[in-house]
PDB file of N, CA and C in Angstrom:
ATOM      1  N   MET A   1       8.316  22.440 -31.319  1.00  0.00           N
ATOM      2  CA  MET A   1       7.733  23.564 -30.638  1.00  0.00           C
ATOM      3  C   MET A   1       6.633  23.109 -29.678  1.00  0.00           C
ATOM      4  N   LYS A   2       5.847  22.098 -30.120  1.00  0.00           N
ATOM      5  CA  LYS A   2       4.790  21.580 -29.258  1.00  0.00           C
ATOM      6  C   LYS A   2       5.388  20.949 -28.004  1.00  0.00           C
ATOM      7  N   PHE A   3       6.491  20.223 -28.198  1.00  0.00           N
ATOM      8  CA  PHE A   3       7.145  19.574 -27.065  1.00  0.00           C
ATOM      9  C   PHE A   3       7.628  20.601 -26.052  1.00  0.00           C
ATOM     10  N   LEU A   4       8.173  21.708 -26.524  1.00  0.00           N
ATOM     11  CA  LEU A   4       8.656  22.761 -25.633  1.00  0.00           C
ATOM     12  C   LEU A   4       7.509  23.379 -24.839  1.00  0.00           C
ATOM     13  N   ILE A   5       6.394  23.601 -25.482  1.00  0.00           N
ATOM     14  CA  ILE A   5       5.227  24.176 -24.796  1.00  0.00           C
ATOM     15  C   ILE A   5       4.703  23.206 -23.740  1.00  0.00           C
ATOM     16  N   ILE A   6       4.632  21.923 -24.084  1.00  0.00           N
ATOM     17  CA  ILE A   6       4.166  20.919 -23.121  1.00  0.00           C
ATOM     18  C   ILE A   6       5.138  20.803 -21.958  1.00  0.00           C
ATOM     19  N   ALA A   7       6.437  20.840 -22.236  1.00  0.00           N
ATOM     20  CA  ALA A   7       7.436  20.739 -21.170  1.00  0.00           C
ATOM     21  C   ALA A   7       7.367  21.934 -20.226  1.00  0.00           C
ATOM     22  N   VAL A   8       7.223  23.132 -20.775  1.00  0.00           N
ATOM     23  CA  VAL A   8       7.122  24.336 -19.936  1.00  0.00           C
ATOM     24  C   VAL A   8       5.846  24.299 -19.108  1.00  0.00           C
ATOM     25  N   PHE A   9       4.739  23.903 -19.713  1.00  0.00           N
ATOM     26  CA  PHE A   9       3.475  23.808 -18.984  1.00  0.00           C
ATOM     27  C   PHE A   9       3.570  22.770 -17.865  1.00  0.00           C
ATOM     28  N   SER A  10       4.197  21.622 -18.149  1.00  0.00           N
ATOM     29  CA  SER A  10       4.367  20.588 -17.122  1.00  0.00           C
ATOM     30  C   SER A  10       5.234  21.090 -15.981  1.00  0.00           C
ATOM     31  N   ALA A  11       6.294  21.814 -16.291  1.00  0.00           N
ATOM     32  CA  ALA A  11       7.162  22.364 -15.247  1.00  0.00           C
ATOM     33  C   ALA A  11       6.412  23.369 -14.388  1.00  0.00           C
ATOM     34  N   MET A  12       5.551  24.164 -15.012  1.00  0.00           N
ATOM     35  CA  MET A  12       4.760  25.134 -14.245  1.00  0.00           C
ATOM     36  C   MET A  12       3.773  24.429 -13.324  1.00  0.00           C
ATOM     37  N   VAL A  13       3.151  23.358 -13.788  1.00  0.00           N
ATOM     38  CA  VAL A  13       2.199  22.611 -12.960  1.00  0.00           C
ATOM     39  C   VAL A  13       2.912  21.959 -11.784  1.00  0.00           C
ATOM     40  N   VAL A  14       4.075  21.382 -12.031  1.00  0.00           N
ATOM     41  CA  VAL A  14       4.834  20.743 -10.955  1.00  0.00           C
ATOM     42  C   VAL A  14       5.288  21.770  -9.936  1.00  0.00           C
ATOM     43  N   SER A  15       5.788  22.906 -10.384  1.00  0.00           N
ATOM     44  CA  SER A  15       6.247  23.927  -9.437  1.00  0.00           C
ATOM     45  C   SER A  15       5.086  24.506  -8.641  1.00  0.00           C
ATOM     46  N   ALA A  16       3.922  24.633  -9.253  1.00  0.00           N
ATOM     47  CA  ALA A  16       2.750  25.123  -8.517  1.00  0.00           C
ATOM     48  C   ALA A  16       2.291  24.098  -7.489  1.00  0.00           C
ATOM     49  N   ALA A  17       2.363  22.826  -7.837  1.00  0.00           N
ATOM     50  CA  ALA A  17       1.949  21.782  -6.897  1.00  0.00           C
ATOM     51  C   ALA A  17       2.918  21.676  -5.728  1.00  0.00           C
ATOM     52  N   LEU A  18       4.203  21.866  -5.989  1.00  0.00           N
ATOM     53  CA  LEU A  18       5.196  21.775  -4.917  1.00  0.00           C
ATOM     54  C   LEU A  18       5.174  22.991  -4.007  1.00  0.00           C
ATOM     55  N   SER A  19       4.678  24.108  -4.495  1.00  0.00           N
ATOM     56  CA  SER A  19       4.658  25.317  -3.677  1.00  0.00           C
ATOM     57  C   SER A  19       3.379  25.451  -2.859  1.00  0.00           C
ATOM     58  N   LEU A  20       2.471  24.493  -2.957  1.00  0.00           N
ATOM     59  CA  LEU A  20       1.226  24.517  -2.201  1.00  0.00           C
ATOM     60  C   LEU A  20       1.529  24.326  -0.719  1.00  0.00           C
ATOM     61  N   PRO A  21       1.035  25.192   0.159  1.00  0.00           N
ATOM     62  CA  PRO A  21       1.294  25.036   1.595  1.00  0.00           C
ATOM     63  C   PRO A  21       0.743  23.713   2.116  1.00  0.00           C
ATOM     64  N   LEU A  22       1.387  23.178   3.128  1.00  0.00           N
ATOM     65  CA  LEU A  22       1.032  21.870   3.655  1.00  0.00           C
ATOM     66  C   LEU A  22      -0.360  21.866   4.278  1.00  0.00           C
ATOM     67  N   ASP A  23      -0.766  22.970   4.907  1.00  0.00           N
ATOM     68  CA  ASP A  23      -2.087  23.025   5.522  1.00  0.00           C
ATOM     69  C   ASP A  23      -3.194  22.857   4.485  1.00  0.00           C
ATOM     70  N   GLU A  24      -3.035  23.507   3.352  1.00  0.00           N
ATOM     71  CA  GLU A  24      -4.030  23.372   2.295  1.00  0.00           C
ATOM     72  C   GLU A  24      -4.013  21.968   1.705  1.00  0.00           C
ATOM     73  N   LEU A  25      -2.847  21.361   1.632  1.00  0.00           N
ATOM     74  CA  LEU A  25      -2.735  20.010   1.105  1.00  0.00           C
ATOM     75  C   LEU A  25      -3.431  19.016   2.023  1.00  0.00           C
ATOM     76  N   GLU A  26      -3.303  19.205   3.345  1.00  0.00           N
ATOM     77  CA  GLU A  26      -3.976  18.312   4.281  1.00  0.00           C
ATOM     78  C   GLU A  26      -5.486  18.447   4.185  1.00  0.00           C
ATOM     79  N   ASP A  27      -5.975  19.640   3.866  1.00  0.00           N
ATOM     80  CA  ASP A  27      -7.410  19.822   3.693  1.00  0.00           C
ATOM     81  C   ASP A  27      -7.906  19.107   2.430  1.00  0.00           C
ATOM     82  N   LEU A  28      -7.063  19.084   1.399  1.00  0.00           N
ATOM     83  CA  LEU A  28      -7.468  18.448   0.151  1.00  0.00           C
ATOM     84  C   LEU A  28      -7.410  16.927   0.225  1.00  0.00           C
ATOM     85  N   VAL A  29      -6.455  16.411   0.970  1.00  0.00           N
ATOM     86  CA  VAL A  29      -6.239  14.972   1.041  1.00  0.00           C
ATOM     87  C   VAL A  29      -6.683  14.474   2.405  1.00  0.00           C
ATOM     88  N   ASP A  30      -7.430  13.391   2.425  1.00  0.00           N
ATOM     89  CA  ASP A  30      -7.854  12.798   3.686  1.00  0.00           C
ATOM     90  C   ASP A  30      -6.658  12.067   4.293  1.00  0.00           C
ATOM     91  N   VAL A  31      -6.140  12.589   5.399  1.00  0.00           N
ATOM     92  CA  VAL A  31      -4.963  12.009   6.039  1.00  0.00           C
ATOM     93  C   VAL A  31      -5.401  10.830   6.890  1.00  0.00           C
ATOM     94  N   GLN A  32      -4.779   9.692   6.653  1.00  0.00           N
ATOM     95  CA  GLN A  32      -5.121   8.479   7.388  1.00  0.00           C
ATOM     96  C   GLN A  32      -4.463   8.506   8.762  1.00  0.00           C
ATOM     97  N   ASP A  33      -5.145   7.979   9.750  1.00  0.00           N
ATOM     98  CA  ASP A  33      -4.590   7.905  11.098  1.00  0.00           C
ATOM     99  C   ASP A  33      -3.630   6.718  11.156  1.00  0.00           C
ATOM    100  N   TRP A  34      -2.338   6.987  11.188  1.00  0.00           N
ATOM    101  CA  TRP A  34      -1.329   5.936  11.119  1.00  0.00           C
ATOM    102  C   TRP A  34      -1.198   5.174  12.424  1.00  0.00           C
ATOM    103  N   GLU A  35      -1.641   5.752  13.536  1.00  0.00           N
ATOM    104  CA  GLU A  35      -1.512   5.055  14.807  1.00  0.00           C
ATOM    105  C   GLU A  35      -2.465   3.877  14.904  1.00  0.00           C
ATOM    106  N   GLU A  36      -3.559   3.908  14.163  1.00  0.00           N
ATOM    107  CA  GLU A  36      -4.517   2.818  14.192  1.00  0.00           C
ATOM    108  C   GLU A  36      -4.191   1.727  13.175  1.00  0.00           C
ATOM    109  N   ALA A  37      -3.249   1.967  12.309  1.00  0.00           N
ATOM    110  CA  ALA A  37      -2.913   0.988  11.280  1.00  0.00           C
ATOM    111  C   ALA A  37      -2.239  -0.223  11.911  1.00  0.00           C
ATOM    112  N   VAL A  38      -2.613  -1.397  11.452  1.00  0.00           N
ATOM    113  CA  VAL A  38      -2.052  -2.642  11.960  1.00  0.00           C
ATOM    114  C   VAL A  38      -0.862  -3.013  11.088  1.00  0.00           C
ATOM    115  N   VAL A  39       0.276  -3.259  11.726  1.00  0.00           N
ATOM    116  CA  VAL A  39       1.491  -3.609  11.008  1.00  0.00           C
ATOM    117  C   VAL A  39       1.876  -5.028  11.389  1.00  0.00           C
ATOM    118  N   ASP A  40       2.056  -5.868  10.395  1.00  0.00           N
ATOM    119  CA  ASP A  40       2.465  -7.246  10.628  1.00  0.00           C
ATOM    120  C   ASP A  40       3.978  -7.322  10.483  1.00  0.00           C
ATOM    121  N   ASP A  41       4.673  -7.619  11.579  1.00  0.00           N
ATOM    122  CA  ASP A  41       6.132  -7.676  11.549  1.00  0.00           C
ATOM    123  C   ASP A  41       6.647  -8.900  10.804  1.00  0.00           C
ATOM    124  N   ASN A  42       5.831  -9.908  10.643  1.00  0.00           N
ATOM    125  CA  ASN A  42       6.258 -11.133   9.974  1.00  0.00           C
ATOM    126  C   ASN A  42       5.982 -11.103   8.475  1.00  0.00           C
ATOM    127  N   ALA A  43       5.603  -9.965   7.951  1.00  0.00           N
ATOM    128  CA  ALA A  43       5.226  -9.873   6.546  1.00  0.00           C
ATOM    129  C   ALA A  43       6.398  -9.509   5.641  1.00  0.00           C
ATOM    130  N   GLY A  44       7.627  -9.575   6.124  1.00  0.00           N
ATOM    131  CA  GLY A  44       8.778  -9.231   5.297  1.00  0.00           C
ATOM    132  C   GLY A  44       8.991 -10.243   4.195  1.00  0.00           C
ATOM    133  N   ILE A  45       9.072  -9.763   2.978  1.00  0.00           N
ATOM    134  CA  ILE A  45       9.283 -10.635   1.834  1.00  0.00           C
ATOM    135  C   ILE A  45      10.611 -10.259   1.212  1.00  0.00           C
ATOM    136  N   ARG A  46      11.481 -11.215   1.039  1.00  0.00           N
ATOM    137  CA  ARG A  46      12.801 -10.981   0.464  1.00  0.00           C
ATOM    138  C   ARG A  46      12.707 -11.105  -1.050  1.00  0.00           C
ATOM    139  N   GLN A  47      12.981 -10.023  -1.750  1.00  0.00           N
ATOM    140  CA  GLN A  47      12.955 -10.025  -3.203  1.00  0.00           C
ATOM    141  C   GLN A  47      14.390 -10.081  -3.731  1.00  0.00           C
ATOM    142  N   ARG A  48      14.549 -10.587  -4.927  1.00  0.00           N
ATOM    143  CA  ARG A  48      15.871 -10.610  -5.541  1.00  0.00           C
ATOM    144  C   ARG A  48      16.320  -9.196  -5.864  1.00  0.00           C
ATOM    145  N   ARG A  49      17.617  -9.001  -5.879  1.00  0.00           N
ATOM    146  CA  ARG A  49      18.168  -7.683  -6.163  1.00  0.00           C
ATOM    147  C   ARG A  49      18.014  -7.370  -7.645  1.00  0.00           C
ATOM    148  N   VAL A  50      17.828  -6.108  -7.924  1.00  0.00           N
ATOM    149  CA  VAL A  50      17.706  -5.648  -9.307  1.00  0.00           C
ATOM    150  C   VAL A  50      19.023  -5.841 -10.036  1.00  0.00           C
ATOM    151  N   THR A  51      20.135  -5.732  -9.315  1.00  0.00           N
ATOM    152  CA  THR A  51      21.445  -5.781  -9.957  1.00  0.00           C
ATOM    153  C   THR A  51      21.688  -7.102 -10.663  1.00  0.00           C
ATOM    154  N   CYS A  52      21.220  -8.202 -10.127  1.00  0.00           N
ATOM    155  CA  CYS A  52      21.468  -9.499 -10.762  1.00  0.00           C
ATOM    156  C   CYS A  52      20.261 -10.018 -11.530  1.00  0.00           C
ATOM    157  N   ASP A  53      19.071  -9.783 -11.028  1.00  0.00           N
ATOM    158  CA  ASP A  53      17.885 -10.364 -11.637  1.00  0.00           C
ATOM    159  C   ASP A  53      17.499  -9.640 -12.924  1.00  0.00           C
ATOM    160  N   LEU A  54      17.343  -8.341 -12.860  1.00  0.00           N
ATOM    161  CA  LEU A  54      16.879  -7.602 -14.034  1.00  0.00           C
ATOM    162  C   LEU A  54      17.999  -7.242 -14.998  1.00  0.00           C
ATOM    163  N   LEU A  55      19.218  -7.080 -14.489  1.00  0.00           N
ATOM    164  CA  LEU A  55      20.325  -6.674 -15.356  1.00  0.00           C
ATOM    165  C   LEU A  55      21.115  -7.856 -15.897  1.00  0.00           C
ATOM    166  N   SER A  56      20.648  -9.083 -15.677  1.00  0.00           N
ATOM    167  CA  SER A  56      21.404 -10.249 -16.118  1.00  0.00           C
ATOM    168  C   SER A  56      21.181 -10.581 -17.590  1.00  0.00           C
ATOM    169  N   PHE A  57      20.338  -9.823 -18.290  1.00  0.00           N
ATOM    170  CA  PHE A  57      20.052 -10.130 -19.689  1.00  0.00           C
ATOM    171  C   PHE A  57      21.258  -9.923 -20.583  1.00  0.00           C
ATOM    172  N   GLY A  58      22.203  -9.080 -20.194  1.00  0.00           N
ATOM    173  CA  GLY A  58      23.336  -8.774 -21.049  1.00  0.00           C
ATOM    174  C   GLY A  58      24.584  -9.573 -20.737  1.00  0.00           C
ATOM    175  N   GLY A  59      24.512 -10.557 -19.877  1.00  0.00           N
ATOM    176  CA  GLY A  59      25.680 -11.354 -19.543  1.00  0.00           C
ATOM    177  C   GLY A  59      26.497 -10.735 -18.436  1.00  0.00           C
ATOM    178  N   LYS A  60      27.455  -9.899 -18.785  1.00  0.00           N
ATOM    179  CA  LYS A  60      28.365  -9.298 -17.810  1.00  0.00           C
ATOM    180  C   LYS A  60      27.767  -8.096 -17.091  1.00  0.00           C
ATOM    181  N   VAL A  61      26.664  -7.563 -17.580  1.00  0.00           N
ATOM    182  CA  VAL A  61      26.084  -6.360 -16.978  1.00  0.00           C
ATOM    183  C   VAL A  61      25.669  -6.628 -15.544  1.00  0.00           C
ATOM    184  N   GLY A  62      25.052  -7.778 -15.294  1.00  0.00           N
ATOM    185  CA  GLY A  62      24.615  -8.112 -13.944  1.00  0.00           C
ATOM    186  C   GLY A  62      25.779  -8.256 -12.989  1.00  0.00           C
ATOM    187  N   HIS A  63      26.865  -8.911 -13.435  1.00  0.00           N
ATOM    188  CA  HIS A  63      28.040  -9.080 -12.581  1.00  0.00           C
ATOM    189  C   HIS A  63      28.687  -7.732 -12.269  1.00  0.00           C
ATOM    190  N   SER A  64      28.762  -6.851 -13.251  1.00  0.00           N
ATOM    191  CA  SER A  64      29.358  -5.534 -13.028  1.00  0.00           C
ATOM    192  C   SER A  64      28.523  -4.706 -12.066  1.00  0.00           C
ATOM    193  N   ALA A  65      27.206  -4.764 -12.214  1.00  0.00           N
ATOM    194  CA  ALA A  65      26.331  -4.017 -11.312  1.00  0.00           C
ATOM    195  C   ALA A  65      26.416  -4.577  -9.902  1.00  0.00           C
ATOM    196  N   CYS A  66      26.517  -5.885  -9.772  1.00  0.00           N
ATOM    197  CA  CYS A  66      26.650  -6.506  -8.457  1.00  0.00           C
ATOM    198  C   CYS A  66      27.970  -6.102  -7.815  1.00  0.00           C
ATOM    199  N   ALA A  67      29.057  -6.121  -8.581  1.00  0.00           N
ATOM    200  CA  ALA A  67      30.358  -5.721  -8.048  1.00  0.00           C
ATOM    201  C   ALA A  67      30.340  -4.261  -7.611  1.00  0.00           C
ATOM    202  N   ALA A  68      29.700  -3.396  -8.388  1.00  0.00           N
ATOM    203  CA  ALA A  68      29.604  -1.983  -8.012  1.00  0.00           C
ATOM    204  C   ALA A  68      28.772  -1.811  -6.750  1.00  0.00           C
ATOM    205  N   ASN A  69      27.705  -2.581  -6.623  1.00  0.00           N
ATOM    206  CA  ASN A  69      26.877  -2.520  -5.418  1.00  0.00           C
ATOM    207  C   ASN A  69      27.675  -2.964  -4.198  1.00  0.00           C
ATOM    208  N   CYS A  70      28.446  -4.032  -4.336  1.00  0.00           N
ATOM    209  CA  CYS A  70      29.260  -4.520  -3.216  1.00  0.00           C
ATOM    210  C   CYS A  70      30.349  -3.515  -2.852  1.00  0.00           C
ATOM    211  N   LEU A  71      30.960  -2.882  -3.858  1.00  0.00           N
ATOM    212  CA  LEU A  71      31.972  -1.859  -3.585  1.00  0.00           C
ATOM    213  C   LEU A  71      31.366  -0.677  -2.842  1.00  0.00           C
ATOM    214  N   SER A  72      30.119  -0.333  -3.169  1.00  0.00           N
ATOM    215  CA  SER A  72      29.471   0.782  -2.473  1.00  0.00           C
ATOM    216  C   SER A  72      29.191   0.454  -1.014  1.00  0.00           C
ATOM    217  N   MET A  73      29.106  -0.841  -0.692  1.00  0.00           N
ATOM    218  CA  MET A  73      28.894  -1.257   0.697  1.00  0.00           C
ATOM    219  C   MET A  73      30.205  -1.504   1.430  1.00  0.00           C
ATOM    220  N   GLY A  74      31.351  -1.263   0.763  1.00  0.00           N
ATOM    221  CA  GLY A  74      32.644  -1.414   1.407  1.00  0.00           C
ATOM    222  C   GLY A  74      33.265  -2.784   1.248  1.00  0.00           C
ATOM    223  N   LYS A  75      32.654  -3.652   0.466  1.00  0.00           N
ATOM    224  CA  LYS A  75      33.203  -4.983   0.219  1.00  0.00           C
ATOM    225  C   LYS A  75      34.166  -4.920  -0.959  1.00  0.00           C
ATOM    226  N   ALA A  76      34.911  -6.002  -1.173  1.00  0.00           N
ATOM    227  CA  ALA A  76      35.935  -6.020  -2.211  1.00  0.00           C
ATOM    228  C   ALA A  76      35.404  -6.437  -3.578  1.00  0.00           C
ATOM    229  N   GLY A  77      34.117  -6.510  -3.752  1.00  0.00           N
ATOM    230  CA  GLY A  77      33.527  -6.889  -5.027  1.00  0.00           C
ATOM    231  C   GLY A  77      32.489  -7.969  -4.823  1.00  0.00           C
ATOM    232  N   GLY A  78      31.998  -8.513  -5.929  1.00  0.00           N
ATOM    233  CA  GLY A  78      30.997  -9.562  -5.844  1.00  0.00           C
ATOM    234  C   GLY A  78      30.613 -10.059  -7.214  1.00  0.00           C
ATOM    235  N   ARG A  79      29.734 -11.078  -7.238  1.00  0.00           N
ATOM    236  CA  ARG A  79      29.258 -11.641  -8.494  1.00  0.00           C
ATOM    237  C   ARG A  79      27.849 -12.178  -8.293  1.00  0.00           C
ATOM    238  N   CYS A  80      27.174 -12.416  -9.397  1.00  0.00           N
ATOM    239  CA  CYS A  80      25.809 -12.945  -9.357  1.00  0.00           C
ATOM    240  C   CYS A  80      25.856 -14.465  -9.325  1.00  0.00           C
ATOM    241  N   ASN A  81      25.015 -15.042  -8.479  1.00  0.00           N
ATOM    242  CA  ASN A  81      24.913 -16.489  -8.388  1.00  0.00           C
ATOM    243  C   ASN A  81      23.433 -16.840  -8.288  1.00  0.00           C
ATOM    244  N   GLY A  82      22.856 -17.312  -9.378  1.00  0.00           N
ATOM    245  CA  GLY A  82      21.449 -17.681  -9.387  1.00  0.00           C
ATOM    246  C   GLY A  82      20.515 -16.499  -9.205  1.00  0.00           C
ATOM    247  N   GLY A  83      20.873 -15.344  -9.699  1.00  0.00           N
ATOM    248  CA  GLY A  83      20.038 -14.160  -9.576  1.00  0.00           C
ATOM    249  C   GLY A  83      20.197 -13.412  -8.275  1.00  0.00           C
ATOM    250  N   VAL A  84      21.129 -13.838  -7.428  1.00  0.00           N
ATOM    251  CA  VAL A  84      21.360 -13.188  -6.139  1.00  0.00           C
ATOM    252  C   VAL A  84      22.785 -12.660  -6.114  1.00  0.00           C
ATOM    253  N   CYS A  85      22.951 -11.414  -5.714  1.00  0.00           N
ATOM    254  CA  CYS A  85      24.270 -10.796  -5.633  1.00  0.00           C
ATOM    255  C   CYS A  85      24.983 -11.295  -4.382  1.00  0.00           C
ATOM    256  N   GLN A  86      26.152 -11.895  -4.564  1.00  0.00           N
ATOM    257  CA  GLN A  86      26.941 -12.381  -3.440  1.00  0.00           C
ATOM    258  C   GLN A  86      28.230 -11.579  -3.364  1.00  0.00           C
ATOM    259  N   CYS A  87      28.377 -10.821  -2.277  1.00  0.00           N
ATOM    260  CA  CYS A  87      29.559  -9.991  -2.082  1.00  0.00           C
ATOM    261  C   CYS A  87      30.682 -10.817  -1.470  1.00  0.00           C
ATOM    262  N   ARG A  88      31.918 -10.395  -1.737  1.00  0.00           N
ATOM    263  CA  ARG A  88      33.063 -11.027  -1.089  1.00  0.00           C
ATOM    264  C   ARG A  88      33.041 -10.719   0.396  1.00  0.00           C
ATOM    265  N   LYS A  89      33.627 -11.604   1.182  1.00  0.00           N
ATOM    266  CA  LYS A  89      33.632 -11.398   2.631  1.00  0.00           C
ATOM    267  C   LYS A  89      34.693 -10.394   3.059  1.00  0.00           C
ATOM    268  N   THR A  90      35.749 -10.244   2.265  1.00  0.00           N
ATOM    269  CA  THR A  90      36.795  -9.287   2.622  1.00  0.00           C
ATOM    270  C   THR A  90      36.345  -7.880   2.265  1.00  0.00           C
ATOM    271  N   THR A  91      36.823  -6.919   3.023  1.00  0.00           N
ATOM    272  CA  THR A  91      36.491  -5.527   2.740  1.00  0.00           C
ATOM    273  C   THR A  91      37.493  -4.958   1.747  1.00  0.00           C
ATOM    274  N   PHE A  92      37.149  -3.828   1.166  1.00  0.00           N
ATOM    275  CA  PHE A  92      38.030  -3.181   0.209  1.00  0.00           C
ATOM    276  C   PHE A  92      39.320  -2.732   0.884  1.00  0.00           C
ATOM    277  N   GLY A  93      39.229  -2.271   2.136  1.00  0.00           N
ATOM    278  CA  GLY A  93      40.420  -1.846   2.879  1.00  0.00           C
ATOM    279  C   GLY A  93      41.376  -2.998   3.127  1.00  0.00           C
ATOM    280  N   ASP A  94      40.839  -4.177   3.460  1.00  0.00           N
ATOM    281  CA  ASP A  94      41.687  -5.353   3.663  1.00  0.00           C
ATOM    282  C   ASP A  94      42.392  -5.748   2.372  1.00  0.00           C
ATOM    283  N   LEU A  95      41.673  -5.709   1.269  1.00  0.00           N
ATOM    284  CA  LEU A  95      42.260  -6.046  -0.021  1.00  0.00           C
ATOM    285  C   LEU A  95      43.339  -5.044  -0.413  1.00  0.00           C
ATOM    286  N   TRP A  96      43.097  -3.761  -0.163  1.00  0.00           N
ATOM    287  CA  TRP A  96      44.072  -2.717  -0.468  1.00  0.00           C
ATOM    288  C   TRP A  96      45.342  -2.904   0.355  1.00  0.00           C
ATOM    289  N   ASN A  97      45.191  -3.158   1.645  1.00  0.00           N
ATOM    290  CA  ASN A  97      46.350  -3.355   2.518  1.00  0.00           C
ATOM    291  C   ASN A  97      47.123  -4.609   2.149  1.00  0.00           C
ATOM    292  N   LYS A  98      46.452  -5.647   1.701  1.00  0.00           N
ATOM    293  CA  LYS A  98      47.116  -6.886   1.313  1.00  0.00           C
ATOM    294  C   LYS A  98      47.965  -6.688   0.054  1.00  0.00           C
ATOM    295  N   ARG A  99      47.456  -5.894  -0.883  1.00  0.00           N
ATOM    296  CA  ARG A  99      48.162  -5.716  -2.150  1.00  0.00           C
ATOM    297  C   ARG A  99      49.213  -4.614  -2.107  1.00  0.00           C
ATOM    298  N   PHE A 100      48.937  -3.521  -1.380  1.00  0.00           N
ATOM    299  CA  PHE A 100      49.820  -2.362  -1.453  1.00  0.00           C
ATOM    300  C   PHE A 100      50.499  -2.012  -0.142  1.00  0.00           C
ATOM    301  N   GLY A 101      50.321  -2.797   0.845  1.00  0.00           N
ATOM    302  CA  GLY A 101      51.120  -2.511   2.005  1.00  0.00           C
ATOM    303  C   GLY A 101      50.467  -2.415   3.278  1.00  0.00           C
TER     304      GLY A 101
END
């Protein structure tokens, strides 16, 4: 019963916060001037993919997640190699046409 009351109260707080007009929100929060912000274009850092690095603890889980990620990008699958997801170079359409016509 306590959990239900807390969940309902949390939902009410979230809905009240989301329904706050934007003008009032800008008054409450100090909006930073983004045009003056300095952006370094050379600051790109390449991180390992979550599919192979974090999901590799279960053995095949990382490979399956990598293959699903590659399929979502239109590739014919993939596998993990040293914590990095490597997709096949052929597309799923090419593989389909090769096998079925």
